[in-house]
Amino acid sequence: MSPSGRIPDVVPATIRDVTNTPAPRFDPGCPMVGVEEEYLVVDPVTREVVPRAAEVIARAALELGDRTNPEITRYQVEAKTPPCADLSGLGARLRDMRNTVAASARAHGLAIVASGTPVLGDVMPPLITDDPRYEIGIATYRSLHDDQAICAGHVHVHLPDREAAVLVSNHLRPWLPALIAMTANSPLRAGRDTGYASRRTLSWSKWPVAGPPPYFASLADHDAIVARLTEAGVLVDPGTIFWDVRPSSRLPTLEVRVTDVPATAGESALLAALVRALVVTALARVAAGDPGPHLSAELLRAAYWQAARDGLEGDGICPVTGTRQPAEDLLDALVRHCRPALDQTGDLPAVTERVDWLRAHGTGAARQRAALAVRGRPADVVDFLVEQTSPA
């Protein structure tokens, strides 16, 4: 396994986005999809994370506008693509977005890395971005914020019907561990190997409304639970519903937010293609009256933990049967499950190629460890991540 391998690109095609245009017509067979990514700002000399995200965001916004924003800590930059209809267009948008943020960082003598956790730097407690909402959050959640210098990848799929979005989430729950495993990209933290492929997943699971979403009988059931949580003082606002699948509180989308930020733009595009195919597959089942599987909460929690520990490099747990299987087999099962939808969206050839690449080169976590193994220097991992995030 070579840490220098790059995921193959697909030929760019016309990007059909909805920036500054009326809401698009909903296509249940090929809905629009967009991606949000979070990056860490690092000093290219010390390789440590630094609290200078505001400078990077201000410069990147000259090109990206409101598609780049602050995150909860001053170490993080958030950027998002516009909605796209085709995978090649999304891949081009992801590369352009990463290149813009990376160039903005270089202009300030900095760099960015796509990693779920900081490889180097003392970030506990982290410096929190100035924002009244975050002040309320700190008062509510207290030391949970100490572990929040972590970066995720979020996929939004256009679903204007909130009832359908909630019912679709029931069908996505069994596949969330496989998504964690294939995107695992946070094995190191503060200079040491944590022993986990996705240490970020464990950090995130501490929050009171986080992890896999509950099984919902209906939108009314969902809204009633959210109302009770709000009344109990567990939520600051709808944005603090951190379930790994949720109807967006701001957009006509279903948001899947279960994974580490992928190391490369190609892996991020692969994630988006699979999430959209899962949504398309689930929509057809919901329309046919299939309520989705009722999973054991204990098995699903165990499957999350196993995926976070070993990524694709070990075994996983099928949350439906509880059987132990090679994690790569669970990924193959996911692709088989949504193969008709991938055919329908036209994404199957690119997804097949990228899954083969991932199998050959390993997850971001495996590649980080390969970079570390060469000389045993965590600084080399940061350099590797800088190149993977936005290749020169």
Protein backbone atom coordinates (compact mmCIF):
# COMPACT_ATOMS: atom_id res chain seq x y z
CA MET A 1 0.00 0.00 0.00
CA SER A 2 1.53 3.30 -1.06
CA PRO A 3 0.67 6.47 0.92
CA SER A 4 1.28 8.53 -2.20
CA GLY A 5 -1.49 6.95 -4.31
CA ARG A 6 -4.19 9.26 -5.63
CA ILE A 7 -7.77 8.33 -6.24
CA PRO A 8 -8.60 8.46 -9.96
CA ASP A 9 -10.60 11.38 -11.28
CA VAL A 10 -13.48 11.06 -13.69
CA VAL A 11 -13.82 13.19 -16.79
CA PRO A 12 -15.39 16.54 -15.85
CA ALA A 13 -18.88 17.19 -17.17
CA THR A 14 -21.25 20.13 -17.09
CA ILE A 15 -22.10 21.10 -13.54
CA ARG A 16 -25.77 21.64 -12.98
CA ASP A 17 -26.02 23.57 -9.75
CA VAL A 18 -28.74 25.70 -8.24
CA THR A 19 -26.64 28.61 -7.00
CA ASN A 20 -28.75 31.80 -7.14
CA THR A 21 -31.50 29.99 -9.08
CA PRO A 22 -34.99 28.82 -8.11
CA ALA A 23 -35.28 25.48 -6.34
CA PRO A 24 -34.76 22.67 -8.85
CA ARG A 25 -37.43 20.22 -9.88
CA PHE A 26 -37.13 17.17 -7.68
CA ASP A 27 -36.01 14.07 -9.57
CA PRO A 28 -36.53 10.98 -7.35
CA GLY A 29 -34.39 8.88 -9.69
CA CYS A 30 -31.40 11.24 -9.65
CA PRO A 31 -31.78 13.95 -6.99
CA MET A 32 -29.32 16.79 -6.61
CA VAL A 33 -26.48 16.17 -4.18
CA GLY A 34 -24.05 18.47 -2.40
CA VAL A 35 -21.17 18.03 0.04
CA GLU A 36 -19.95 19.97 3.08
CA GLU A 37 -16.38 19.38 4.26
CA GLU A 38 -14.43 20.57 7.28
CA TYR A 39 -10.66 21.12 7.22
CA LEU A 40 -8.03 21.82 9.85
CA VAL A 41 -5.65 24.77 9.47
CA VAL A 42 -2.00 23.87 10.10
CA ASP A 43 1.34 25.61 10.29
CA PRO A 44 3.44 24.04 7.49
CA VAL A 45 6.63 24.46 9.56
CA THR A 46 5.56 23.01 12.93
CA ARG A 47 2.76 20.94 11.31
CA GLU A 48 0.56 21.75 14.29
CA VAL A 49 -2.99 23.01 13.99
CA VAL A 50 -3.28 26.77 14.50
CA PRO A 51 -6.30 28.96 15.39
CA ARG A 52 -6.18 31.03 12.20
CA ALA A 53 -9.22 29.75 10.34
CA ALA A 54 -10.79 33.23 10.18
CA GLU A 55 -7.99 34.50 7.94
CA VAL A 56 -8.34 31.56 5.56
CA ILE A 57 -12.12 31.88 5.41
CA ALA A 58 -12.02 35.62 4.70
CA ARG A 59 -9.75 35.14 1.69
CA ALA A 60 -11.52 32.02 0.40
CA ALA A 61 -14.86 33.83 0.61
CA LEU A 62 -13.69 36.22 -2.12
CA GLU A 63 -14.20 33.28 -4.50
CA LEU A 64 -16.55 30.95 -2.63
CA GLY A 65 -18.82 33.55 -1.04
CA ASP A 66 -21.07 32.07 1.62
CA ARG A 67 -19.99 28.57 0.65
CA THR A 68 -17.19 28.85 3.23
CA ASN A 69 -17.88 29.47 6.91
CA PRO A 70 -16.37 29.26 10.39
CA GLU A 71 -16.85 26.14 12.47
CA ILE A 72 -17.08 25.73 16.20
CA THR A 73 -13.31 26.03 16.79
CA ARG A 74 -10.85 28.52 15.37
CA TYR A 75 -8.83 25.66 13.88
CA GLN A 76 -11.52 24.63 11.39
CA VAL A 77 -12.74 25.83 8.00
CA GLU A 78 -16.04 24.65 6.54
CA ALA A 79 -16.67 24.69 2.79
CA LYS A 80 -19.54 23.35 0.72
CA THR A 81 -20.26 22.63 -2.91
CA PRO A 82 -23.37 23.83 -4.68
CA PRO A 83 -25.89 21.08 -5.46
CA CYS A 84 -24.91 18.99 -8.48
CA ALA A 85 -26.80 16.48 -10.58
CA ASP A 86 -23.87 14.41 -11.85
CA LEU A 87 -20.95 12.80 -10.06
CA SER A 88 -18.26 14.13 -12.38
CA GLY A 89 -19.54 17.66 -11.86
CA LEU A 90 -19.53 17.17 -8.11
CA GLY A 91 -15.98 15.83 -8.24
CA ALA A 92 -14.85 18.92 -10.16
CA ARG A 93 -16.57 21.19 -7.65
CA LEU A 94 -14.92 19.39 -4.73
CA ARG A 95 -11.46 19.73 -6.27
CA ASP A 96 -12.00 23.41 -7.06
CA MET A 97 -13.32 24.06 -3.55
CA ARG A 98 -10.36 22.36 -1.89
CA ASN A 99 -7.90 24.15 -4.17
CA THR A 100 -9.46 27.52 -3.35
CA VAL A 101 -9.30 26.97 0.41
CA ALA A 102 -5.74 25.59 0.14
CA ALA A 103 -4.61 28.59 -1.92
CA SER A 104 -6.18 30.94 0.63
CA ALA A 105 -4.26 29.19 3.39
CA ARG A 106 -0.97 29.40 1.46
CA ALA A 107 -1.48 33.13 1.00
CA HIS A 108 -1.25 33.42 4.79
CA GLY A 109 1.70 31.03 5.13
CA LEU A 110 -0.60 28.21 6.22
CA ALA A 111 -1.96 24.91 4.91
CA ILE A 112 -5.13 22.86 5.28
CA VAL A 113 -5.60 19.16 5.88
CA ALA A 114 -8.60 16.91 5.44
CA SER A 115 -8.32 14.78 8.57
CA GLY A 116 -10.92 13.84 11.14
CA THR A 117 -8.60 14.73 14.02
CA PRO A 118 -5.50 16.94 14.46
CA VAL A 119 -2.33 14.93 13.92
CA LEU A 120 -0.22 17.44 15.88
CA GLY A 121 -1.01 20.24 18.29
CA ASP A 122 -2.47 20.72 21.75
CA VAL A 123 -6.13 21.53 21.20
CA MET A 124 -7.73 20.59 24.51
CA PRO A 125 -9.56 22.70 25.32
CA PRO A 126 -9.83 24.24 21.85
CA LEU A 127 -10.22 27.94 21.11
CA ILE A 128 -13.91 28.40 20.32
CA THR A 129 -15.13 30.73 17.56
CA ASP A 130 -16.78 33.90 18.86
CA ASP A 131 -20.51 33.42 18.35
CA PRO A 132 -23.45 33.87 20.76
CA ARG A 133 -24.81 30.48 19.73
CA TYR A 134 -21.56 28.77 20.70
CA GLU A 135 -21.61 30.58 24.05
CA ILE A 136 -25.03 29.08 24.75
CA GLY A 137 -23.70 25.71 23.63
CA ILE A 138 -20.77 25.89 26.03
CA ALA A 139 -23.12 26.71 28.90
CA THR A 140 -25.31 23.75 27.94
CA TYR A 141 -22.77 21.08 26.96
CA ARG A 142 -19.77 22.23 29.02
CA SER A 143 -16.61 20.15 28.59
CA LEU A 144 -18.00 18.24 25.60
CA HIS A 145 -16.57 21.11 23.54
CA ASP A 146 -13.07 20.12 24.66
CA ASP A 147 -13.06 17.38 22.05
CA GLN A 148 -14.50 19.37 19.15
CA ALA A 149 -11.48 20.13 16.96
CA ILE A 150 -12.68 17.33 14.68
CA CYS A 151 -13.70 17.34 11.04
CA ALA A 152 -16.52 15.54 9.26
CA GLY A 153 -17.94 15.18 5.77
CA HIS A 154 -21.65 15.82 5.24
CA VAL A 155 -23.72 14.82 2.19
CA HIS A 156 -27.00 16.59 1.38
CA VAL A 157 -29.46 14.88 -0.96
CA HIS A 158 -32.40 16.88 -2.32
CA LEU A 159 -35.61 15.65 -0.66
CA PRO A 160 -38.22 18.38 -0.40
CA ASP A 161 -40.71 16.13 1.43
CA ARG A 162 -39.76 15.96 5.12
CA GLU A 163 -42.05 13.00 5.73
CA ALA A 164 -40.23 11.01 3.04
CA ALA A 165 -36.87 12.16 4.43
CA VAL A 166 -37.67 10.77 7.88
CA LEU A 167 -38.88 7.44 6.48
CA VAL A 168 -35.81 7.19 4.21
CA SER A 169 -33.57 7.57 7.27
CA ASN A 170 -34.98 4.29 8.64
CA HIS A 171 -33.63 2.50 5.56
CA LEU A 172 -30.19 4.16 5.76
CA ARG A 173 -29.46 3.11 9.36
CA PRO A 174 -28.09 -0.40 8.55
CA TRP A 175 -25.51 1.05 6.14
CA LEU A 176 -24.06 3.77 8.34
CA PRO A 177 -21.28 1.57 9.81
CA ALA A 178 -20.07 0.71 6.28
CA LEU A 179 -19.88 4.43 5.45
CA ILE A 180 -17.83 5.02 8.62
CA ALA A 181 -15.46 2.20 7.70
CA MET A 182 -14.82 3.30 4.11
CA THR A 183 -14.11 6.94 5.02
CA ALA A 184 -12.17 6.36 8.26
CA ASN A 185 -9.53 9.10 8.35
CA SER A 186 -8.62 9.96 11.94
CA PRO A 187 -6.17 7.43 13.42
CA LEU A 188 -3.72 9.95 14.94
CA ARG A 189 -4.26 12.60 17.53
CA ALA A 190 -1.72 14.85 19.25
CA GLY A 191 1.16 12.86 17.77
CA ARG A 192 0.06 9.38 18.77
CA ASP A 193 -1.77 6.56 17.06
CA THR A 194 -5.07 6.16 18.93
CA GLY A 195 -5.57 2.57 17.77
CA TYR A 196 -8.77 3.60 15.99
CA ALA A 197 -9.28 4.21 12.29
CA SER A 198 -11.93 6.86 13.04
CA ARG A 199 -11.22 8.39 16.42
CA ARG A 200 -13.54 11.26 15.47
CA THR A 201 -16.52 8.90 15.56
CA LEU A 202 -15.90 8.18 19.25
CA SER A 203 -15.51 11.88 20.07
CA TRP A 204 -18.79 12.69 18.36
CA SER A 205 -20.70 9.89 20.08
CA LYS A 206 -20.45 11.66 23.46
CA TRP A 207 -23.11 14.21 22.58
CA PRO A 208 -26.64 13.64 23.92
CA VAL A 209 -28.34 13.71 20.49
CA ALA A 210 -25.75 12.12 18.22
CA GLY A 211 -24.99 8.84 16.49
CA PRO A 212 -27.50 6.80 14.46
CA PRO A 213 -30.96 8.32 14.35
CA PRO A 214 -33.80 6.56 16.14
CA TYR A 215 -36.31 4.58 14.13
CA PHE A 216 -39.22 6.91 13.35
CA ALA A 217 -42.75 5.77 12.54
CA SER A 218 -43.52 9.09 10.85
CA LEU A 219 -42.57 12.75 10.60
CA ALA A 220 -44.94 13.43 13.48
CA ASP A 221 -43.04 10.88 15.57
CA HIS A 222 -39.74 12.60 14.67
CA ASP A 223 -41.05 16.07 15.49
CA ALA A 224 -42.57 14.91 18.78
CA ILE A 225 -39.22 13.48 19.91
CA VAL A 226 -37.41 16.68 18.90
CA ALA A 227 -40.01 18.74 20.77
CA ARG A 228 -39.52 16.67 23.92
CA LEU A 229 -35.74 16.99 23.68
CA THR A 230 -36.07 20.74 23.25
CA GLU A 231 -38.41 21.04 26.21
CA ALA A 232 -35.98 19.02 28.31
CA GLY A 233 -33.18 21.50 27.56
CA VAL A 234 -31.08 18.96 25.65
CA LEU A 235 -31.04 21.02 22.44
CA VAL A 236 -29.84 24.57 21.97
CA ASP A 237 -31.68 24.78 18.62
CA PRO A 238 -32.50 22.42 15.71
CA GLY A 239 -28.87 22.66 14.59
CA THR A 240 -27.81 20.72 17.69
CA ILE A 241 -29.68 17.62 16.55
CA PHE A 242 -26.53 15.74 15.67
CA TRP A 243 -28.01 12.45 14.51
CA ASP A 244 -25.99 10.99 11.66
CA VAL A 245 -29.00 11.19 9.33
CA ARG A 246 -31.38 14.10 9.68
CA PRO A 247 -33.74 16.27 7.64
CA SER A 248 -31.94 19.60 7.29
CA SER A 249 -33.41 22.39 9.41
CA ARG A 250 -32.53 24.95 6.69
CA LEU A 251 -32.61 23.20 3.32
CA PRO A 252 -34.95 20.82 1.42
CA THR A 253 -32.50 17.97 1.91
CA LEU A 254 -31.73 14.86 3.88
CA GLU A 255 -28.29 15.25 5.47
CA VAL A 256 -26.00 12.27 6.08
CA ARG A 257 -23.24 13.35 8.47
CA VAL A 258 -21.79 10.10 9.77
CA THR A 259 -18.25 10.16 8.36
CA ASP A 260 -14.83 11.66 8.86
CA VAL A 261 -13.93 14.22 6.23
CA PRO A 262 -12.50 12.03 3.46
CA ALA A 263 -8.80 12.46 2.72
CA THR A 264 -9.28 13.15 -1.00
CA ALA A 265 -11.86 14.83 -3.19
CA GLY A 266 -12.33 11.55 -5.06
CA GLU A 267 -13.25 9.70 -1.88
CA SER A 268 -15.68 12.47 -1.00
CA ALA A 269 -17.35 12.13 -4.40
CA LEU A 270 -17.55 8.35 -3.89
CA LEU A 271 -19.24 8.88 -0.53
CA ALA A 272 -21.75 11.28 -2.10
CA ALA A 273 -22.56 8.84 -4.92
CA LEU A 274 -23.21 5.99 -2.50
CA VAL A 275 -25.30 8.13 -0.17
CA ARG A 276 -27.45 9.36 -3.06
CA ALA A 277 -27.88 5.79 -4.32
CA LEU A 278 -28.91 4.66 -0.84
CA VAL A 279 -31.49 7.47 -0.73
CA VAL A 280 -32.86 6.61 -4.19
CA THR A 281 -33.11 2.93 -3.19
CA ALA A 282 -34.83 3.84 0.07
CA LEU A 283 -37.30 6.17 -1.66
CA ALA A 284 -38.51 3.30 -3.84
CA ARG A 285 -38.95 1.09 -0.79
CA VAL A 286 -40.81 3.78 1.13
CA ALA A 287 -43.14 4.26 -1.86
CA ALA A 288 -43.81 0.52 -1.83
CA GLY A 289 -44.81 0.65 1.83
CA ASP A 290 -41.64 -0.90 3.26
CA PRO A 291 -41.10 0.66 6.71
CA GLY A 292 -37.43 -0.36 6.93
CA PRO A 293 -35.74 -2.76 9.34
CA HIS A 294 -36.08 -2.37 13.09
CA LEU A 295 -32.47 -2.75 14.21
CA SER A 296 -31.20 -3.66 17.63
CA ALA A 297 -29.75 -0.47 19.15
CA GLU A 298 -27.06 -2.58 20.80
CA LEU A 299 -25.98 -4.23 17.53
CA LEU A 300 -25.96 -0.93 15.68
CA ARG A 301 -23.86 0.68 18.40
CA ALA A 302 -21.43 -2.25 18.29
CA ALA A 303 -21.24 -2.02 14.49
CA TYR A 304 -20.38 1.67 14.78
CA TRP A 305 -17.62 0.92 17.26
CA GLN A 306 -16.14 -1.88 15.16
CA ALA A 307 -16.16 0.31 12.02
CA ALA A 308 -14.53 3.17 13.91
CA ARG A 309 -11.86 0.88 15.34
CA ASP A 310 -10.80 -1.01 12.23
CA GLY A 311 -12.10 0.84 9.16
CA LEU A 312 -11.94 -1.40 6.10
CA GLU A 313 -8.81 -3.14 7.33
CA GLY A 314 -10.50 -5.53 9.75
CA ASP A 315 -13.83 -7.17 10.39
CA GLY A 316 -17.15 -5.45 10.76
CA ILE A 317 -20.52 -6.32 12.23
CA CYS A 318 -23.65 -6.55 10.15
CA PRO A 319 -26.16 -4.56 12.23
CA VAL A 320 -29.07 -6.54 10.77
CA THR A 321 -27.83 -10.06 11.57
CA GLY A 322 -25.12 -9.37 14.14
CA THR A 323 -22.70 -11.57 12.19
CA ARG A 324 -19.03 -10.74 11.98
CA GLN A 325 -17.75 -10.25 8.43
CA PRO A 326 -14.75 -8.68 6.70
CA ALA A 327 -15.47 -4.95 6.49
CA GLU A 328 -14.77 -5.00 2.76
CA ASP A 329 -17.59 -7.54 2.35
CA LEU A 330 -19.98 -5.13 4.06
CA LEU A 331 -18.92 -2.40 1.63
CA ASP A 332 -19.51 -4.80 -1.26
CA ALA A 333 -22.96 -5.56 0.16
CA LEU A 334 -23.74 -1.85 0.26
CA VAL A 335 -22.79 -1.46 -3.41
CA ARG A 336 -24.90 -4.49 -4.37
CA HIS A 337 -27.84 -3.14 -2.38
CA CYS A 338 -27.90 0.13 -4.31
CA ARG A 339 -26.55 -1.11 -7.65
CA PRO A 340 -29.86 -0.49 -9.52
CA ALA A 341 -29.87 3.08 -8.24
CA LEU A 342 -26.22 3.55 -9.26
CA ASP A 343 -27.17 2.34 -12.73
CA GLN A 344 -30.07 4.77 -12.75
CA THR A 345 -27.93 7.78 -11.74
CA GLY A 346 -25.14 6.77 -14.13
CA ASP A 347 -22.65 6.52 -11.28
CA LEU A 348 -21.93 2.78 -11.33
CA PRO A 349 -18.73 2.84 -13.49
CA ALA A 350 -17.12 5.62 -11.44
CA VAL A 351 -18.18 4.06 -8.14
CA THR A 352 -16.80 0.67 -9.19
CA GLU A 353 -13.48 2.26 -10.15
CA ARG A 354 -13.23 4.21 -6.93
CA VAL A 355 -14.15 1.28 -4.70
CA ASP A 356 -11.44 -0.75 -6.45
CA TRP A 357 -8.99 2.10 -5.79
CA LEU A 358 -9.98 2.21 -2.14
CA ARG A 359 -9.52 -1.54 -1.83
CA ALA A 360 -6.03 -1.30 -3.37
CA HIS A 361 -4.79 1.77 -1.45
CA GLY A 362 -6.70 1.56 1.81
CA THR A 363 -8.69 4.11 3.73
CA GLY A 364 -7.38 7.51 4.70
CA ALA A 365 -6.54 6.03 8.11
CA ALA A 366 -4.51 3.24 6.55
CA ARG A 367 -2.66 5.70 4.33
CA GLN A 368 -1.92 7.98 7.27
CA ARG A 369 -0.40 5.04 9.11
CA ALA A 370 1.60 4.06 6.03
CA ALA A 371 3.03 7.58 5.88
CA LEU A 372 3.90 7.37 9.57
CA ALA A 373 5.58 3.98 9.19
CA VAL A 374 8.22 5.28 6.77
CA ARG A 375 10.16 7.31 9.37
CA GLY A 376 7.93 7.26 12.45
CA ARG A 377 7.39 11.03 12.22
CA PRO A 378 3.87 12.41 12.69
CA ALA A 379 5.02 15.52 10.81
CA ASP A 380 5.31 13.35 7.71
CA VAL A 381 1.63 12.43 8.09
CA VAL A 382 0.69 16.12 8.06
CA ASP A 383 2.75 16.66 4.89
CA PHE A 384 1.04 13.66 3.32
CA LEU A 385 -2.40 14.98 4.24
CA VAL A 386 -1.62 18.41 2.81
CA GLU A 387 -0.83 16.75 -0.53
CA GLN A 388 -3.86 14.46 -0.41
CA THR A 389 -6.24 17.29 0.47
CA SER A 390 -5.31 19.47 -2.50
CA PRO A 391 -2.71 17.92 -4.82
CA ALA A 392 -0.41 20.44 -6.47
